Structure formats: C-alpha cells, structure tokens
Amino acid sequence: MSGVLPFVMCALFGALVAGLYLNERQGRLAARFLDGRRVAIPCRISPAGSDRWVRGTFVIASGGWSWERPPSHAHGPGLPSDARIVRVRRPEGRERNRLHHRALVVECASGEGEFRLALVPGQVEHVVMVLAPAG
C-alpha cells in the first residue's frame, strides 16, 4: 500500500506538467497568430470520397494562407485558393481508424471540388478564422 502513494503523486505531477506545457504552447500559437507572424499548423488533407490522408502544413502568414506539402508528397492534393468551410465534425466510420483520436474534420468546398482537413482541436480555431466566409 505504501508504494501506491508515490505512484499516484508522480502521475498527478506528470499530468500537471503536461497540462502546463500544452497550455503554454497553445498560448504561443495564439500570440503569433494575433501578432500577424507566420503560423504553421500541421494537418492532413483528403479529397472528398477518398480514404487517403496526406500530411501537410497549413501556413497562416500576414495577409493570407498557403498549403505546404512535404517533399515526399509533392504530387499529392493541394489546397485550393477559394476554399471555404462547410462544417466541422468528429471523424466518422473509417476516418476514426486513420486519424488521431482527438482530431476534428473540417469539410471544405471550392471551385475544384470538396475536400477535408483533419486538425487537432486546439488548432482548428485558427484555420476556421482564416477560411470562414466573411459576413
């Protein structure tokens, strides 16, 4: 019984440190976004109807945004410049097996067709602010 208390204390301390780290990281990301500095948000993209998700980076810089593919997927799907958000939802069906358990799926539409972005909840807000239609 005496060995349980140190284990519980270590687990609580680890949870506290992890929480503080994640909170500070989210604060730095929000500060960079508000200051207009470059913000790189890792996410995945998939054309609608496809099960294939390709990693990439959604980059928000002063005056606009862009999509950066990793060099290994230079031929993969891109993010159209006229993208707009249709809805945000939790992963459904087979998506649950392919994505992070906390990920949210942002369904978007453009002149080139529909596509999906998978983002971690703490970073969805920044993408929504950029892609949401004005008005």
Protein backbone atom coordinates (compact mmCIF):
# COMPACT_ATOMS: atom_id res chain seq x y z
CA MET A 1 0.00 0.00 0.00
CA SER A 2 2.88 2.36 0.72
CA GLY A 3 4.08 2.07 -2.90
CA VAL A 4 0.78 3.37 -4.29
CA LEU A 5 1.05 6.92 -2.93
CA PRO A 6 4.35 7.78 -4.68
CA PHE A 7 2.97 6.34 -7.94
CA VAL A 8 -0.20 8.46 -7.68
CA MET A 9 1.83 11.57 -6.83
CA CYS A 10 4.14 11.02 -9.83
CA ALA A 11 1.16 10.50 -12.14
CA LEU A 12 -0.51 13.70 -10.89
CA PHE A 13 2.71 15.66 -11.23
CA GLY A 14 3.20 14.35 -14.79
CA ALA A 15 -0.36 15.32 -15.72
CA LEU A 16 0.19 18.81 -14.29
CA VAL A 17 3.43 19.31 -16.22
CA ALA A 18 1.83 18.09 -19.46
CA GLY A 19 -1.15 20.39 -18.96
CA LEU A 20 1.05 23.42 -18.31
CA TYR A 21 3.20 22.65 -21.35
CA LEU A 22 0.22 22.29 -23.68
CA ASN A 23 -1.40 25.45 -22.31
CA GLU A 24 1.80 27.45 -22.86
CA ARG A 25 2.21 26.04 -26.37
CA GLN A 26 -1.36 27.00 -27.28
CA GLY A 27 -0.77 30.48 -25.87
CA ARG A 28 2.35 30.95 -28.01
CA LEU A 29 0.47 29.83 -31.12
CA ALA A 30 -2.40 32.25 -30.41
CA ALA A 31 0.04 35.11 -29.76
CA ARG A 32 1.85 34.51 -33.07
CA PHE A 33 -1.49 34.38 -34.87
CA LEU A 34 -2.69 37.65 -33.32
CA ASP A 35 0.64 39.41 -34.00
CA GLY A 36 0.40 38.50 -37.69
CA ARG A 37 3.50 36.32 -37.63
CA ARG A 38 3.81 33.09 -39.59
CA VAL A 39 1.91 30.21 -38.01
CA ALA A 40 2.42 26.66 -39.31
CA ILE A 41 -0.35 24.22 -38.39
CA PRO A 42 0.30 20.53 -39.12
CA CYS A 43 -2.76 18.78 -40.53
CA ARG A 44 -3.91 16.22 -43.08
CA ILE A 45 -5.89 16.70 -46.29
CA SER A 46 -8.09 14.29 -48.20
CA PRO A 47 -10.27 14.78 -51.27
CA ALA A 48 -13.94 14.00 -50.55
CA GLY A 49 -14.72 10.35 -51.16
CA SER A 50 -11.10 9.25 -50.72
CA ASP A 51 -9.74 7.25 -47.79
CA ARG A 52 -6.20 8.55 -48.32
CA TRP A 53 -4.99 11.31 -45.99
CA VAL A 54 -1.83 13.23 -46.88
CA ARG A 55 0.14 15.14 -44.28
CA GLY A 56 0.96 18.77 -44.84
CA THR A 57 1.13 22.16 -43.19
CA PHE A 58 -1.49 24.89 -43.26
CA VAL A 59 0.55 28.10 -43.09
CA ILE A 60 -1.03 31.36 -41.99
CA ALA A 61 1.11 34.41 -42.73
CA SER A 62 0.36 38.10 -42.77
CA GLY A 63 -2.16 38.77 -45.49
CA GLY A 64 -3.03 35.20 -46.41
CA TRP A 65 -2.54 31.49 -46.10
CA SER A 66 -0.96 28.68 -48.03
CA TRP A 67 -0.63 24.90 -48.05
CA GLU A 68 2.79 23.27 -47.89
CA ARG A 69 3.19 19.63 -48.83
CA PRO A 70 6.05 17.53 -47.55
CA PRO A 71 8.72 16.87 -50.21
CA SER A 72 7.79 13.18 -50.29
CA HIS A 73 4.23 14.06 -51.40
CA ALA A 74 4.95 16.79 -53.94
CA HIS A 75 2.35 15.30 -56.28
CA GLY A 76 -0.36 14.98 -53.60
CA PRO A 77 -3.54 17.01 -53.22
CA GLY A 78 -3.30 20.74 -52.73
CA LEU A 79 -5.49 23.29 -51.03
CA PRO A 80 -7.43 25.49 -53.50
CA SER A 81 -7.21 29.25 -53.00
CA ASP A 82 -11.00 29.68 -52.96
CA ALA A 83 -11.57 27.17 -50.14
CA ARG A 84 -14.42 27.81 -47.73
CA ILE A 85 -15.63 25.85 -44.71
CA VAL A 86 -18.83 23.81 -44.96
CA ARG A 87 -18.82 22.21 -41.49
CA VAL A 88 -16.66 20.91 -38.65
CA ARG A 89 -17.30 17.43 -37.28
CA ARG A 90 -15.81 14.47 -35.44
CA PRO A 91 -14.29 11.65 -37.55
CA GLU A 92 -16.84 9.11 -38.74
CA GLY A 93 -16.57 5.49 -39.84
CA ARG A 94 -13.18 4.52 -41.26
CA GLU A 95 -11.77 8.00 -40.59
CA ARG A 96 -11.60 7.10 -36.90
CA ASN A 97 -9.02 4.42 -37.69
CA ARG A 98 -6.83 6.71 -39.80
CA LEU A 99 -6.81 9.91 -37.73
CA HIS A 100 -5.70 10.96 -34.27
CA HIS A 101 -8.36 10.21 -31.65
CA ARG A 102 -8.78 13.93 -30.82
CA ALA A 103 -8.79 15.17 -34.42
CA LEU A 104 -11.64 17.18 -35.89
CA VAL A 105 -12.54 17.02 -39.57
CA VAL A 106 -13.14 20.33 -41.34
CA GLU A 107 -15.16 19.79 -44.50
CA CYS A 108 -14.44 22.43 -47.14
CA ALA A 109 -15.66 23.26 -50.63
CA SER A 110 -14.09 25.13 -53.52
CA GLY A 111 -14.43 25.55 -57.25
CA GLU A 112 -12.21 22.48 -57.71
CA GLY A 113 -14.42 20.25 -55.54
CA GLU A 114 -14.80 19.21 -51.94
CA PHE A 115 -12.03 18.16 -49.57
CA ARG A 116 -11.44 17.51 -45.88
CA LEU A 117 -8.84 18.74 -43.41
CA ALA A 118 -8.04 16.89 -40.19
CA LEU A 119 -6.80 19.10 -37.35
CA VAL A 120 -6.18 18.85 -33.62
CA PRO A 121 -8.86 20.76 -31.63
CA GLY A 122 -6.51 23.45 -30.29
CA GLN A 123 -5.60 24.48 -33.84
CA VAL A 124 -8.98 24.30 -35.57
CA GLU A 125 -9.93 27.81 -34.43
CA HIS A 126 -7.09 29.43 -36.37
CA VAL A 127 -7.98 27.64 -39.60
CA VAL A 128 -11.68 28.46 -39.15
CA MET A 129 -10.86 32.17 -38.71
CA VAL A 130 -8.93 32.18 -41.97
CA LEU A 131 -11.22 30.04 -44.13
CA ALA A 132 -14.62 31.12 -42.78
CA PRO A 133 -16.60 33.22 -45.25
CA ALA A 134 -16.74 36.92 -44.40
CA GLY A 135 -20.11 38.08 -43.13
